């Protein structure tokens, strides 16, 4: 599997976590005070996972682009020779 494909999978997973996080955030307004702390804790956990997935996806995408540009430069050098 290449970096680009892995980055796309991480972006998809981050999007799924983001949707779940938004569902919990929507529950905040109608929540009792007893459940508020637990709900905020759950949202914070999802937020941490989301940013971890998203930042990993960006890193993998940069690596894919770096390899692609390196490959293109090598092709140009071969064609010039």
Protein backbone atom coordinates (compact mmCIF):
# COMPACT_ATOMS: atom_id res chain seq x y z
CA UNK A 1 0.00 0.00 0.00
CA UNK A 2 1.30 3.44 -0.85
CA UNK A 3 1.28 6.61 1.24
CA UNK A 4 -1.47 8.25 -0.80
CA UNK A 5 -3.89 5.36 -0.30
CA UNK A 6 -3.11 5.21 3.40
CA UNK A 7 -3.66 8.96 3.76
CA UNK A 8 -7.07 8.66 2.09
CA UNK A 9 -8.06 5.91 4.52
CA UNK A 10 -6.96 8.07 7.45
CA UNK A 11 -8.98 11.01 6.09
CA UNK A 12 -12.06 8.76 5.79
CA UNK A 13 -11.62 7.51 9.34
CA UNK A 14 -11.14 11.05 10.62
CA UNK A 15 -14.33 12.11 8.85
CA UNK A 16 -16.26 9.26 10.49
CA UNK A 17 -14.94 10.22 13.92
CA UNK A 18 -15.80 13.87 13.24
CA UNK A 19 -19.42 12.95 12.47
CA UNK A 20 -19.63 10.93 15.68
CA UNK A 21 -18.13 13.80 17.65
CA UNK A 22 -20.74 16.20 16.20
CA UNK A 23 -23.55 13.85 17.30
CA UNK A 24 -22.29 13.96 20.88
CA UNK A 25 -21.88 17.73 20.71
CA UNK A 26 -25.51 18.03 19.60
CA UNK A 27 -26.57 16.15 22.75
CA UNK A 28 -24.87 18.74 24.98
CA UNK A 29 -27.72 21.24 24.87
CA UNK A 30 -30.35 18.79 26.17
CA UNK A 31 -28.10 17.08 28.66
CA UNK A 32 -28.56 16.93 32.44
CA UNK A 33 -25.80 18.25 34.61
CA UNK A 34 -24.98 14.75 35.88
CA UNK A 35 -24.21 13.57 32.36
CA UNK A 36 -22.50 16.75 31.21
CA UNK A 37 -19.05 15.81 32.52
CA UNK A 38 -19.18 12.34 30.99
CA UNK A 39 -20.40 13.73 27.68
CA UNK A 40 -17.65 16.36 27.59
CA UNK A 41 -15.09 13.67 28.37
CA UNK A 42 -16.38 11.53 25.52
CA UNK A 43 -16.24 14.48 23.12
CA UNK A 44 -12.69 15.29 24.20
CA UNK A 45 -11.64 11.70 23.55
CA UNK A 46 -13.16 11.73 20.08
CA UNK A 47 -11.55 15.10 19.39
CA UNK A 48 -8.13 13.72 20.33
CA UNK A 49 -8.63 10.70 18.04
CA UNK A 50 -9.89 12.94 15.24
CA UNK A 51 -6.86 15.23 15.31
CA UNK A 52 -4.50 12.28 15.56
CA UNK A 53 -6.05 10.67 12.47
CA UNK A 54 -6.22 13.96 10.56
CA UNK A 55 -2.61 14.94 11.27
CA UNK A 56 -1.39 11.45 10.38
CA UNK A 57 -3.31 11.66 7.10
CA UNK A 58 -1.69 15.02 6.30
CA UNK A 59 1.75 13.61 7.07
CA UNK A 60 1.18 10.59 4.82
CA UNK A 61 -0.10 12.83 2.03
CA UNK A 62 3.03 15.00 2.25
CA UNK A 63 5.18 11.88 2.02
CA UNK A 64 3.24 10.70 -1.03
CA UNK A 65 3.68 14.08 -2.71
CA UNK A 66 7.38 14.12 -1.88
CA UNK A 67 7.89 10.67 -3.41
CA UNK A 68 5.85 11.65 -6.46
CA UNK A 69 7.87 14.81 -7.08
CA UNK A 70 11.11 12.87 -6.61
CA UNK A 71 9.94 10.26 -9.13
CA UNK A 72 8.98 12.98 -11.63
CA UNK A 73 12.42 14.60 -11.30
CA UNK A 74 14.11 11.26 -11.93
CA UNK A 75 11.97 10.76 -15.05
CA UNK A 76 12.89 14.22 -16.31
CA UNK A 77 16.58 13.51 -15.75
CA UNK A 78 16.34 10.24 -17.67
CA UNK A 79 14.50 11.93 -20.53
CA UNK A 80 17.07 14.72 -20.70
CA UNK A 81 19.95 12.27 -20.93
